[in-house]
């Protein structure tokens, strides 16, 4: 079974496709914006990457969400809930973690099926 990698750089690929499964690297928002803006940006990036891979948010299998501070959980969930309101949501985990840049508040990784 082939492995296809897209948007590949020296450190990682943004998209990896193996069979009928799409794996996205962790997506982050713009530094120095609030949790709501960062979450919206991340979800837009995810939708664009899924489209490039031949999938969509309707085919999400799982999501892992890392927050810099769990005090942002409700605000992030407000954006997330609006994003998944018209689909059956995926399996999901959410935790607190130190992220790659001090101004990053959220990072989301996605696994999805190709329809």
PDB file of N, CA and C in Angstrom:
ATOM      1  N   UNK A   1       0.853  -1.174   0.000  1.00  0.00           N
ATOM      2  CA  UNK A   1       0.000   0.000   0.000  1.00  0.00           C
ATOM      3  C   UNK A   1       0.899   1.238   0.000  1.00  0.00           C
ATOM      4  N   UNK A   2       0.582   2.174  -0.860  1.00  0.00           N
ATOM      5  CA  UNK A   2       1.429   3.350  -1.000  1.00  0.00           C
ATOM      6  C   UNK A   2       1.192   4.367   0.120  1.00  0.00           C
ATOM      7  N   UNK A   3       2.193   5.185   0.313  1.00  0.00           N
ATOM      8  CA  UNK A   3       2.116   6.313   1.251  1.00  0.00           C
ATOM      9  C   UNK A   3       2.367   7.570   0.437  1.00  0.00           C
ATOM     10  N   UNK A   4       1.435   8.516   0.532  1.00  0.00           N
ATOM     11  CA  UNK A   4       1.565   9.785  -0.181  1.00  0.00           C
ATOM     12  C   UNK A   4       1.764  10.883   0.847  1.00  0.00           C
ATOM     13  N   UNK A   5       2.762  11.717   0.632  1.00  0.00           N
ATOM     14  CA  UNK A   5       3.032  12.840   1.525  1.00  0.00           C
ATOM     15  C   UNK A   5       2.921  14.130   0.730  1.00  0.00           C
ATOM     16  N   UNK A   6       2.195  15.101   1.312  1.00  0.00           N
ATOM     17  CA  UNK A   6       1.975  16.388   0.647  1.00  0.00           C
ATOM     18  C   UNK A   6       2.401  17.517   1.569  1.00  0.00           C
ATOM     19  N   UNK A   7       2.717  18.644   0.934  1.00  0.00           N
ATOM     20  CA  UNK A   7       3.202  19.823   1.655  1.00  0.00           C
ATOM     21  C   UNK A   7       4.334  19.412   2.596  1.00  0.00           C
ATOM     22  N   UNK A   8       5.329  18.799   1.985  1.00  0.00           N
ATOM     23  CA  UNK A   8       6.450  18.244   2.728  1.00  0.00           C
ATOM     24  C   UNK A   8       7.577  19.260   2.847  1.00  0.00           C
ATOM     25  N   UNK A   9       8.095  19.398   4.053  1.00  0.00           N
ATOM     26  CA  UNK A   9       9.236  20.261   4.313  1.00  0.00           C
ATOM     27  C   UNK A   9      10.362  19.447   4.921  1.00  0.00           C
ATOM     28  N   UNK A  10      11.409  20.116   5.376  1.00  0.00           N
ATOM     29  CA  UNK A  10      12.545  19.389   5.930  1.00  0.00           C
ATOM     30  C   UNK A  10      12.231  18.687   7.258  1.00  0.00           C
ATOM     31  N   UNK A  11      11.209  19.127   7.962  1.00  0.00           N
ATOM     32  CA  UNK A  11      10.906  18.570   9.277  1.00  0.00           C
ATOM     33  C   UNK A  11       9.685  17.658   9.278  1.00  0.00           C
ATOM     34  N   UNK A  12       8.688  17.971   8.438  1.00  0.00           N
ATOM     35  CA  UNK A  12       7.446  17.193   8.465  1.00  0.00           C
ATOM     36  C   UNK A  12       6.652  17.406   7.195  1.00  0.00           C
ATOM     37  N   UNK A  13       5.657  16.548   7.033  1.00  0.00           N
ATOM     38  CA  UNK A  13       4.662  16.694   5.975  1.00  0.00           C
ATOM     39  C   UNK A  13       3.372  17.156   6.631  1.00  0.00           C
ATOM     40  N   UNK A  14       2.669  18.072   5.993  1.00  0.00           N
ATOM     41  CA  UNK A  14       1.393  18.529   6.531  1.00  0.00           C
ATOM     42  C   UNK A  14       0.306  17.473   6.365  1.00  0.00           C
ATOM     43  N   UNK A  15       0.414  16.673   5.294  1.00  0.00           N
ATOM     44  CA  UNK A  15      -0.574  15.645   4.984  1.00  0.00           C
ATOM     45  C   UNK A  15       0.161  14.341   4.686  1.00  0.00           C
ATOM     46  N   UNK A  16      -0.313  13.247   5.294  1.00  0.00           N
ATOM     47  CA  UNK A  16       0.164  11.914   4.948  1.00  0.00           C
ATOM     48  C   UNK A  16      -1.072  11.061   4.679  1.00  0.00           C
ATOM     49  N   UNK A  17      -1.074  10.409   3.519  1.00  0.00           N
ATOM     50  CA  UNK A  17      -2.191   9.549   3.135  1.00  0.00           C
ATOM     51  C   UNK A  17      -1.661   8.126   3.028  1.00  0.00           C
ATOM     52  N   UNK A  18      -2.309   7.230   3.746  1.00  0.00           N
ATOM     53  CA  UNK A  18      -1.967   5.804   3.697  1.00  0.00           C
ATOM     54  C   UNK A  18      -3.268   5.042   3.494  1.00  0.00           C
ATOM     55  N   UNK A  19      -3.394   4.422   2.336  1.00  0.00           N
ATOM     56  CA  UNK A  19      -4.659   3.761   2.029  1.00  0.00           C
ATOM     57  C   UNK A  19      -5.774   4.787   1.962  1.00  0.00           C
ATOM     58  N   UNK A  20      -6.817   4.558   2.736  1.00  0.00           N
ATOM     59  CA  UNK A  20      -7.955   5.483   2.767  1.00  0.00           C
ATOM     60  C   UNK A  20      -7.964   6.335   4.029  1.00  0.00           C
ATOM     61  N   UNK A  21      -6.789   6.531   4.625  1.00  0.00           N
ATOM     62  CA  UNK A  21      -6.693   7.311   5.851  1.00  0.00           C
ATOM     63  C   UNK A  21      -5.767   8.502   5.645  1.00  0.00           C
ATOM     64  N   UNK A  22      -6.202   9.655   6.145  1.00  0.00           N
ATOM     65  CA  UNK A  22      -5.437  10.897   6.066  1.00  0.00           C
ATOM     66  C   UNK A  22      -4.989  11.282   7.470  1.00  0.00           C
ATOM     67  N   UNK A  23      -3.720  11.590   7.600  1.00  0.00           N
ATOM     68  CA  UNK A  23      -3.154  12.074   8.860  1.00  0.00           C
ATOM     69  C   UNK A  23      -2.652  13.498   8.623  1.00  0.00           C
ATOM     70  N   UNK A  24      -3.103  14.423   9.446  1.00  0.00           N
ATOM     71  CA  UNK A  24      -2.619  15.800   9.344  1.00  0.00           C
ATOM     72  C   UNK A  24      -1.653  16.081  10.480  1.00  0.00           C
ATOM     73  N   UNK A  25      -0.632  16.859  10.170  1.00  0.00           N
ATOM     74  CA  UNK A  25       0.260  17.305  11.243  1.00  0.00           C
ATOM     75  C   UNK A  25      -0.500  18.281  12.135  1.00  0.00           C
ATOM     76  N   UNK A  26       0.051  18.579  13.296  1.00  0.00           N
ATOM     77  CA  UNK A  26      -0.591  19.521  14.203  1.00  0.00           C
ATOM     78  C   UNK A  26      -0.715  20.890  13.556  1.00  0.00           C
ATOM     79  N   UNK A  27      -1.907  21.455  13.629  1.00  0.00           N
ATOM     80  CA  UNK A  27      -2.165  22.769  13.039  1.00  0.00           C
ATOM     81  C   UNK A  27      -2.310  23.801  14.149  1.00  0.00           C
ATOM     82  N   UNK A  28      -1.707  24.952  13.936  1.00  0.00           N
ATOM     83  CA  UNK A  28      -1.754  26.038  14.917  1.00  0.00           C
ATOM     84  C   UNK A  28      -2.250  27.311  14.241  1.00  0.00           C
ATOM     85  N   UNK A  29      -2.701  28.247  15.059  1.00  0.00           N
ATOM     86  CA  UNK A  29      -3.181  29.534  14.556  1.00  0.00           C
ATOM     87  C   UNK A  29      -2.065  30.562  14.508  1.00  0.00           C
ATOM     88  N   UNK A  30      -2.455  31.794  14.331  1.00  0.00           N
ATOM     89  CA  UNK A  30      -1.509  32.898  14.286  1.00  0.00           C
ATOM     90  C   UNK A  30      -1.151  33.320  15.711  1.00  0.00           C
ATOM     91  N   UNK A  31       0.133  33.505  15.949  1.00  0.00           N
ATOM     92  CA  UNK A  31       0.570  33.953  17.272  1.00  0.00           C
ATOM     93  C   UNK A  31      -0.013  35.333  17.560  1.00  0.00           C
ATOM     94  N   UNK A  32      -0.105  35.627  18.825  1.00  0.00           N
ATOM     95  CA  UNK A  32      -0.578  36.929  19.311  1.00  0.00           C
ATOM     96  C   UNK A  32      -2.038  37.220  18.969  1.00  0.00           C
ATOM     97  N   UNK A  33      -2.855  36.169  18.803  1.00  0.00           N
ATOM     98  CA  UNK A  33      -4.296  36.330  18.686  1.00  0.00           C
ATOM     99  C   UNK A  33      -4.937  35.529  19.822  1.00  0.00           C
ATOM    100  N   UNK A  34      -6.213  35.754  20.081  1.00  0.00           N
ATOM    101  CA  UNK A  34      -6.871  35.075  21.202  1.00  0.00           C
ATOM    102  C   UNK A  34      -7.247  33.641  20.839  1.00  0.00           C
ATOM    103  N   UNK A  35      -7.719  32.892  21.826  1.00  0.00           N
ATOM    104  CA  UNK A  35      -8.027  31.474  21.636  1.00  0.00           C
ATOM    105  C   UNK A  35      -9.123  31.273  20.597  1.00  0.00           C
ATOM    106  N   UNK A  36     -10.106  32.140  20.570  1.00  0.00           N
ATOM    107  CA  UNK A  36     -11.192  32.016  19.595  1.00  0.00           C
ATOM    108  C   UNK A  36     -10.653  32.162  18.177  1.00  0.00           C
ATOM    109  N   UNK A  37      -9.855  33.178  17.940  1.00  0.00           N
ATOM    110  CA  UNK A  37      -9.286  33.421  16.615  1.00  0.00           C
ATOM    111  C   UNK A  37      -8.342  32.294  16.217  1.00  0.00           C
ATOM    112  N   UNK A  38      -7.488  31.868  17.148  1.00  0.00           N
ATOM    113  CA  UNK A  38      -6.561  30.780  16.835  1.00  0.00           C
ATOM    114  C   UNK A  38      -7.312  29.497  16.492  1.00  0.00           C
ATOM    115  N   UNK A  39      -8.356  29.174  17.239  1.00  0.00           N
ATOM    116  CA  UNK A  39      -9.116  27.954  16.974  1.00  0.00           C
ATOM    117  C   UNK A  39      -9.795  28.031  15.609  1.00  0.00           C
ATOM    118  N   UNK A  40     -10.394  29.163  15.286  1.00  0.00           N
ATOM    119  CA  UNK A  40     -11.024  29.324  13.971  1.00  0.00           C
ATOM    120  C   UNK A  40      -9.999  29.156  12.851  1.00  0.00           C
ATOM    121  N   UNK A  41      -8.825  29.746  13.020  1.00  0.00           N
ATOM    122  CA  UNK A  41      -7.761  29.638  12.021  1.00  0.00           C
ATOM    123  C   UNK A  41      -7.338  28.189  11.842  1.00  0.00           C
ATOM    124  N   UNK A  42      -7.142  27.488  12.952  1.00  0.00           N
ATOM    125  CA  UNK A  42      -6.734  26.084  12.894  1.00  0.00           C
ATOM    126  C   UNK A  42      -7.774  25.254  12.147  1.00  0.00           C
ATOM    127  N   UNK A  43      -9.039  25.445  12.456  1.00  0.00           N
ATOM    128  CA  UNK A  43     -10.087  24.647  11.821  1.00  0.00           C
ATOM    129  C   UNK A  43     -10.213  24.953  10.332  1.00  0.00           C
ATOM    130  N   UNK A  44      -9.971  26.190   9.938  1.00  0.00           N
ATOM    131  CA  UNK A  44      -9.942  26.530   8.517  1.00  0.00           C
ATOM    132  C   UNK A  44      -8.779  25.833   7.824  1.00  0.00           C
ATOM    133  N   UNK A  45      -7.611  25.847   8.452  1.00  0.00           N
ATOM    134  CA  UNK A  45      -6.455  25.139   7.890  1.00  0.00           C
ATOM    135  C   UNK A  45      -6.755  23.650   7.727  1.00  0.00           C
ATOM    136  N   UNK A  46      -7.384  23.073   8.745  1.00  0.00           N
ATOM    137  CA  UNK A  46      -7.729  21.646   8.695  1.00  0.00           C
ATOM    138  C   UNK A  46      -8.667  21.362   7.534  1.00  0.00           C
ATOM    139  N   UNK A  47      -9.691  22.175   7.370  1.00  0.00           N
ATOM    140  CA  UNK A  47     -10.627  21.969   6.256  1.00  0.00           C
ATOM    141  C   UNK A  47      -9.906  22.032   4.911  1.00  0.00           C
ATOM    142  N   UNK A  48      -9.007  22.989   4.748  1.00  0.00           N
ATOM    143  CA  UNK A  48      -8.264  23.128   3.496  1.00  0.00           C
ATOM    144  C   UNK A  48      -7.359  21.931   3.242  1.00  0.00           C
ATOM    145  N   UNK A  49      -6.664  21.457   4.273  1.00  0.00           N
ATOM    146  CA  UNK A  49      -5.787  20.295   4.123  1.00  0.00           C
ATOM    147  C   UNK A  49      -6.595  19.040   3.818  1.00  0.00           C
ATOM    148  N   UNK A  50      -7.718  18.869   4.493  1.00  0.00           N
ATOM    149  CA  UNK A  50      -8.562  17.709   4.217  1.00  0.00           C
ATOM    150  C   UNK A  50      -9.058  17.727   2.779  1.00  0.00           C
ATOM    151  N   UNK A  51      -9.447  18.891   2.294  1.00  0.00           N
ATOM    152  CA  UNK A  51      -9.900  19.004   0.911  1.00  0.00           C
ATOM    153  C   UNK A  51      -8.779  18.613  -0.049  1.00  0.00           C
ATOM    154  N   UNK A  52      -7.570  19.099   0.209  1.00  0.00           N
ATOM    155  CA  UNK A  52      -6.424  18.755  -0.637  1.00  0.00           C
ATOM    156  C   UNK A  52      -6.167  17.252  -0.642  1.00  0.00           C
ATOM    157  N   UNK A  53      -6.451  16.605   0.486  1.00  0.00           N
ATOM    158  CA  UNK A  53      -6.215  15.168   0.616  1.00  0.00           C
ATOM    159  C   UNK A  53      -7.370  14.325   0.077  1.00  0.00           C
ATOM    160  N   UNK A  54      -8.453  14.971  -0.340  1.00  0.00           N
ATOM    161  CA  UNK A  54      -9.598  14.232  -0.852  1.00  0.00           C
ATOM    162  C   UNK A  54     -10.577  13.809   0.229  1.00  0.00           C
ATOM    163  N   UNK A  55     -10.586  14.534   1.335  1.00  0.00           N
ATOM    164  CA  UNK A  55     -11.474  14.223   2.443  1.00  0.00           C
ATOM    165  C   UNK A  55     -12.213  15.492   2.861  1.00  0.00           C
ATOM    166  N   UNK A  56     -12.888  15.419   4.003  1.00  0.00           N
ATOM    167  CA  UNK A  56     -13.596  16.576   4.542  1.00  0.00           C
ATOM    168  C   UNK A  56     -13.864  16.340   6.022  1.00  0.00           C
ATOM    169  N   UNK A  57     -14.362  17.370   6.692  1.00  0.00           N
ATOM    170  CA  UNK A  57     -14.622  17.225   8.129  1.00  0.00           C
ATOM    171  C   UNK A  57     -15.719  16.201   8.403  1.00  0.00           C
ATOM    172  N   UNK A  58     -16.564  15.899   7.418  1.00  0.00           N
ATOM    173  CA  UNK A  58     -17.591  14.881   7.583  1.00  0.00           C
ATOM    174  C   UNK A  58     -16.988  13.487   7.752  1.00  0.00           C
ATOM    175  N   UNK A  59     -15.709  13.339   7.409  1.00  0.00           N
ATOM    176  CA  UNK A  59     -15.036  12.040   7.474  1.00  0.00           C
ATOM    177  C   UNK A  59     -13.971  11.980   8.570  1.00  0.00           C
ATOM    178  N   UNK A  60     -14.064  12.886   9.538  1.00  0.00           N
ATOM    179  CA  UNK A  60     -13.109  12.869  10.649  1.00  0.00           C
ATOM    180  C   UNK A  60     -13.227  11.574  11.434  1.00  0.00           C
ATOM    181  N   UNK A  61     -12.090  11.022  11.789  1.00  0.00           N
ATOM    182  CA  UNK A  61     -12.050   9.838  12.645  1.00  0.00           C
ATOM    183  C   UNK A  61     -11.681  10.219  14.068  1.00  0.00           C
ATOM    184  N   UNK A  62     -10.642  11.049  14.204  1.00  0.00           N
ATOM    185  CA  UNK A  62     -10.222  11.470  15.541  1.00  0.00           C
ATOM    186  C   UNK A  62      -9.553  12.833  15.499  1.00  0.00           C
ATOM    187  N   UNK A  63      -9.591  13.486  16.640  1.00  0.00           N
ATOM    188  CA  UNK A  63      -8.931  14.783  16.819  1.00  0.00           C
ATOM    189  C   UNK A  63      -8.238  14.773  18.170  1.00  0.00           C
ATOM    190  N   UNK A  64      -7.043  15.316  18.190  1.00  0.00           N
ATOM    191  CA  UNK A  64      -6.333  15.541  19.444  1.00  0.00           C
ATOM    192  C   UNK A  64      -6.081  17.033  19.543  1.00  0.00           C
ATOM    193  N   UNK A  65      -6.530  17.614  20.640  1.00  0.00           N
ATOM    194  CA  UNK A  65      -6.434  19.055  20.844  1.00  0.00           C
ATOM    195  C   UNK A  65      -5.531  19.321  22.034  1.00  0.00           C
ATOM    196  N   UNK A  66      -4.539  20.169  21.813  1.00  0.00           N
ATOM    197  CA  UNK A  66      -3.650  20.599  22.888  1.00  0.00           C
ATOM    198  C   UNK A  66      -3.891  22.073  23.156  1.00  0.00           C
ATOM    199  N   UNK A  67      -4.148  22.400  24.402  1.00  0.00           N
ATOM    200  CA  UNK A  67      -4.324  23.783  24.823  1.00  0.00           C
ATOM    201  C   UNK A  67      -3.150  24.202  25.693  1.00  0.00           C
ATOM    202  N   UNK A  68      -2.717  25.419  25.516  1.00  0.00           N
ATOM    203  CA  UNK A  68      -1.664  25.955  26.388  1.00  0.00           C
ATOM    204  C   UNK A  68      -2.178  26.040  27.819  1.00  0.00           C
ATOM    205  N   UNK A  69      -3.459  26.371  27.957  1.00  0.00           N
ATOM    206  CA  UNK A  69      -4.063  26.575  29.274  1.00  0.00           C
ATOM    207  C   UNK A  69      -5.493  26.043  29.249  1.00  0.00           C
ATOM    208  N   UNK A  70      -5.812  25.115  30.133  1.00  0.00           N
ATOM    209  CA  UNK A  70      -7.162  24.545  30.166  1.00  0.00           C
ATOM    210  C   UNK A  70      -8.218  25.584  30.534  1.00  0.00           C
ATOM    211  N   UNK A  71      -7.816  26.760  30.977  1.00  0.00           N
ATOM    212  CA  UNK A  71      -8.782  27.838  31.201  1.00  0.00           C
ATOM    213  C   UNK A  71      -9.408  28.296  29.886  1.00  0.00           C
ATOM    214  N   UNK A  72      -8.788  27.953  28.749  1.00  0.00           N
ATOM    215  CA  UNK A  72      -9.325  28.285  27.430  1.00  0.00           C
ATOM    216  C   UNK A  72     -10.261  27.203  26.882  1.00  0.00           C
ATOM    217  N   UNK A  73     -10.497  26.151  27.670  1.00  0.00           N
ATOM    218  CA  UNK A  73     -11.291  25.007  27.225  1.00  0.00           C
ATOM    219  C   UNK A  73     -12.687  25.421  26.739  1.00  0.00           C
ATOM    220  N   UNK A  74     -13.392  26.222  27.505  1.00  0.00           N
ATOM    221  CA  UNK A  74     -14.762  26.621  27.138  1.00  0.00           C
ATOM    222  C   UNK A  74     -14.773  27.457  25.868  1.00  0.00           C
ATOM    223  N   UNK A  75     -13.858  28.396  25.735  1.00  0.00           N
ATOM    224  CA  UNK A  75     -13.816  29.252  24.549  1.00  0.00           C
ATOM    225  C   UNK A  75     -13.454  28.437  23.303  1.00  0.00           C
ATOM    226  N   UNK A  76     -12.486  27.528  23.433  1.00  0.00           N
ATOM    227  CA  UNK A  76     -12.125  26.670  22.306  1.00  0.00           C
ATOM    228  C   UNK A  76     -13.307  25.787  21.943  1.00  0.00           C
ATOM    229  N   UNK A  77     -13.973  25.196  22.949  1.00  0.00           N
ATOM    230  CA  UNK A  77     -15.113  24.315  22.696  1.00  0.00           C
ATOM    231  C   UNK A  77     -16.254  25.042  22.000  1.00  0.00           C
ATOM    232  N   UNK A  78     -16.432  26.301  22.291  1.00  0.00           N
ATOM    233  CA  UNK A  78     -17.483  27.078  21.637  1.00  0.00           C
ATOM    234  C   UNK A  78     -17.258  27.114  20.130  1.00  0.00           C
ATOM    235  N   UNK A  79     -16.029  27.335  19.717  1.00  0.00           N
ATOM    236  CA  UNK A  79     -15.685  27.355  18.289  1.00  0.00           C
ATOM    237  C   UNK A  79     -15.780  25.942  17.711  1.00  0.00           C
ATOM    238  N   UNK A  80     -15.208  24.969  18.418  1.00  0.00           N
ATOM    239  CA  UNK A  80     -15.244  23.571  17.975  1.00  0.00           C
ATOM    240  C   UNK A  80     -16.683  23.095  17.789  1.00  0.00           C
ATOM    241  N   UNK A  81     -17.539  23.348  18.797  1.00  0.00           N
ATOM    242  CA  UNK A  81     -18.928  22.888  18.743  1.00  0.00           C
ATOM    243  C   UNK A  81     -19.662  23.470  17.539  1.00  0.00           C
ATOM    244  N   UNK A  82     -19.390  24.729  17.232  1.00  0.00           N
ATOM    245  CA  UNK A  82     -20.001  25.346  16.057  1.00  0.00           C
ATOM    246  C   UNK A  82     -19.499  24.681  14.782  1.00  0.00           C
ATOM    247  N   UNK A  83     -18.220  24.306  14.750  1.00  0.00           N
ATOM    248  CA  UNK A  83     -17.604  23.689  13.576  1.00  0.00           C
ATOM    249  C   UNK A  83     -18.161  22.293  13.307  1.00  0.00           C
ATOM    250  N   UNK A  84     -18.470  21.536  14.348  1.00  0.00           N
ATOM    251  CA  UNK A  84     -18.946  20.154  14.172  1.00  0.00           C
ATOM    252  C   UNK A  84     -20.464  20.014  14.292  1.00  0.00           C
ATOM    253  N   UNK A  85     -21.180  21.115  14.406  1.00  0.00           N
ATOM    254  CA  UNK A  85     -22.616  21.048  14.685  1.00  0.00           C
ATOM    255  C   UNK A  85     -23.416  20.324  13.613  1.00  0.00           C
ATOM    256  N   UNK A  86     -22.952  20.317  12.372  1.00  0.00           N
ATOM    257  CA  UNK A  86     -23.701  19.694  11.284  1.00  0.00           C
ATOM    258  C   UNK A  86     -23.186  18.305  10.904  1.00  0.00           C
ATOM    259  N   UNK A  87     -22.264  17.764  11.695  1.00  0.00           N
ATOM    260  CA  UNK A  87     -21.715  16.434  11.421  1.00  0.00           C
ATOM    261  C   UNK A  87     -21.747  15.606  12.702  1.00  0.00           C
ATOM    262  N   UNK A  88     -21.526  14.315  12.550  1.00  0.00           N
ATOM    263  CA  UNK A  88     -21.312  13.480  13.732  1.00  0.00           C
ATOM    264  C   UNK A  88     -19.851  13.685  14.123  1.00  0.00           C
ATOM    265  N   UNK A  89     -19.587  14.186  15.323  1.00  0.00           N
ATOM    266  CA  UNK A  89     -18.208  14.530  15.677  1.00  0.00           C
ATOM    267  C   UNK A  89     -17.318  13.288  15.812  1.00  0.00           C
ATOM    268  N   UNK A  90     -16.006  13.497  15.656  1.00  0.00           N
ATOM    269  CA  UNK A  90     -15.061  12.378  15.747  1.00  0.00           C
ATOM    270  C   UNK A  90     -14.759  12.028  17.202  1.00  0.00           C
ATOM    271  N   UNK A  91     -14.024  10.946  17.393  1.00  0.00           N
ATOM    272  CA  UNK A  91     -13.413  10.690  18.695  1.00  0.00           C
ATOM    273  C   UNK A  91     -12.475  11.865  18.962  1.00  0.00           C
ATOM    274  N   UNK A  92     -12.350  12.246  20.231  1.00  0.00           N
ATOM    275  CA  UNK A  92     -11.558  13.442  20.519  1.00  0.00           C
ATOM    276  C   UNK A  92     -10.913  13.344  21.891  1.00  0.00           C
ATOM    277  N   UNK A  93      -9.713  13.873  21.972  1.00  0.00           N
ATOM    278  CA  UNK A  93      -9.026  14.040  23.246  1.00  0.00           C
ATOM    279  C   UNK A  93      -8.566  15.481  23.331  1.00  0.00           C
ATOM    280  N   UNK A  94      -8.507  16.019  24.546  1.00  0.00           N
ATOM    281  CA  UNK A  94      -8.046  17.386  24.744  1.00  0.00           C
ATOM    282  C   UNK A  94      -7.235  17.438  26.030  1.00  0.00           C
ATOM    283  N   UNK A  95      -6.083  18.057  25.946  1.00  0.00           N
ATOM    284  CA  UNK A  95      -5.242  18.179  27.128  1.00  0.00           C
ATOM    285  C   UNK A  95      -4.463  19.479  27.111  1.00  0.00           C
ATOM    286  N   UNK A  96      -3.777  19.714  28.199  1.00  0.00           N
ATOM    287  CA  UNK A  96      -2.947  20.907  28.339  1.00  0.00           C
ATOM    288  C   UNK A  96      -1.505  20.530  28.047  1.00  0.00           C
ATOM    289  N   UNK A  97      -0.814  21.407  27.312  1.00  0.00           N
ATOM    290  CA  UNK A  97       0.571  21.128  26.948  1.00  0.00           C
ATOM    291  C   UNK A  97       1.308  22.430  26.669  1.00  0.00           C
ATOM    292  N   UNK A  98       2.596  22.402  26.902  1.00  0.00           N
ATOM    293  CA  UNK A  98       3.438  23.513  26.479  1.00  0.00           C
ATOM    294  C   UNK A  98       3.597  23.392  24.973  1.00  0.00           C
ATOM    295  N   UNK A  99       3.267  24.451  24.242  1.00  0.00           N
ATOM    296  CA  UNK A  99       3.322  24.418  22.783  1.00  0.00           C
ATOM    297  C   UNK A  99       4.628  25.022  22.276  1.00  0.00           C
ATOM    298  N   UNK A 100       4.854  24.916  20.977  1.00  0.00           N
ATOM    299  CA  UNK A 100       6.142  25.270  20.380  1.00  0.00           C
ATOM    300  C   UNK A 100       6.513  26.741  20.492  1.00  0.00           C
ATOM    301  N   UNK A 101       5.540  27.615  20.604  1.00  0.00           N
ATOM    302  CA  UNK A 101       5.791  29.050  20.713  1.00  0.00           C
ATOM    303  C   UNK A 101       4.946  29.590  21.852  1.00  0.00           C
ATOM    304  N   UNK A 102       5.480  30.484  22.613  1.00  0.00           N
ATOM    305  CA  UNK A 102       4.805  31.029  23.798  1.00  0.00           C
ATOM    306  C   UNK A 102       3.429  31.622  23.495  1.00  0.00           C
ATOM    307  N   UNK A 103       3.255  32.185  22.299  1.00  0.00           N
ATOM    308  CA  UNK A 103       1.985  32.830  21.947  1.00  0.00           C
ATOM    309  C   UNK A 103       0.944  31.886  21.357  1.00  0.00           C
ATOM    310  N   UNK A 104       1.322  30.629  21.125  1.00  0.00           N
ATOM    311  CA  UNK A 104       0.349  29.666  20.620  1.00  0.00           C
ATOM    312  C   UNK A 104      -0.523  29.181  21.758  1.00  0.00           C
ATOM    313  N   UNK A 105      -1.826  29.119  21.504  1.00  0.00           N
ATOM    314  CA  UNK A 105      -2.785  28.733  22.538  1.00  0.00           C
ATOM    315  C   UNK A 105      -3.440  27.385  22.269  1.00  0.00           C
ATOM    316  N   UNK A 106      -3.426  26.922  21.006  1.00  0.00           N
ATOM    317  CA  UNK A 106      -4.092  25.671  20.645  1.00  0.00           C
ATOM    318  C   UNK A 106      -3.370  25.020  19.467  1.00  0.00           C
ATOM    319  N   UNK A 107      -3.326  23.694  19.497  1.00  0.00           N
ATOM    320  CA  UNK A 107      -2.817  22.906  18.376  1.00  0.00           C
ATOM    321  C   UNK A 107      -3.742  21.703  18.232  1.00  0.00           C
ATOM    322  N   UNK A 108      -4.124  21.404  16.994  1.00  0.00           N
ATOM    323  CA  UNK A 108      -5.050  20.297  16.743  1.00  0.00           C
ATOM    324  C   UNK A 108      -4.462  19.372  15.679  1.00  0.00           C
ATOM    325  N   UNK A 109      -4.477  18.078  15.977  1.00  0.00           N
ATOM    326  CA  UNK A 109      -4.100  17.056  14.983  1.00  0.00           C
ATOM    327  C   UNK A 109      -5.355  16.268  14.619  1.00  0.00           C
ATOM    328  N   UNK A 110      -5.407  15.834  13.376  1.00  0.00           N
ATOM    329  CA  UNK A 110      -6.600  15.185  12.829  1.00  0.00           C
ATOM    330  C   UNK A 110      -6.211  13.910  12.086  1.00  0.00           C
ATOM    331  N   UNK A 111      -7.065  12.901  12.227  1.00  0.00           N
ATOM    332  CA  UNK A 111      -7.035  11.715  11.373  1.00  0.00           C
ATOM    333  C   UNK A 111      -8.419  11.625  10.739  1.00  0.00           C
ATOM    334  N   UNK A 112      -8.451  11.368   9.428  1.00  0.00           N
ATOM    335  CA  UNK A 112      -9.733  11.312   8.715  1.00  0.00           C
ATOM    336  C   UNK A 112      -9.690  10.203   7.670  1.00  0.00           C
ATOM    337  N   UNK A 113     -10.871   9.798   7.256  1.00  0.00           N
ATOM    338  CA  UNK A 113     -11.004   8.837   6.178  1.00  0.00           C
ATOM    339  C   UNK A 113     -11.155   9.572   4.852  1.00  0.00           C
ATOM    340  N   UNK A 114     -10.771   8.895   3.785  1.00  0.00           N
ATOM    341  CA  UNK A 114     -11.048   9.408   2.446  1.00  0.00           C
ATOM    342  C   UNK A 114     -12.315   8.701   1.985  1.00  0.00           C
ATOM    343  N   UNK A 115     -13.303   9.484   1.629  1.00  0.00           N
ATOM    344  CA  UNK A 115     -14.609   8.907   1.254  1.00  0.00           C
ATOM    345  C   UNK A 115     -14.520   8.238  -0.097  1.00  0.00           C
TER     346      UNK A 115
END
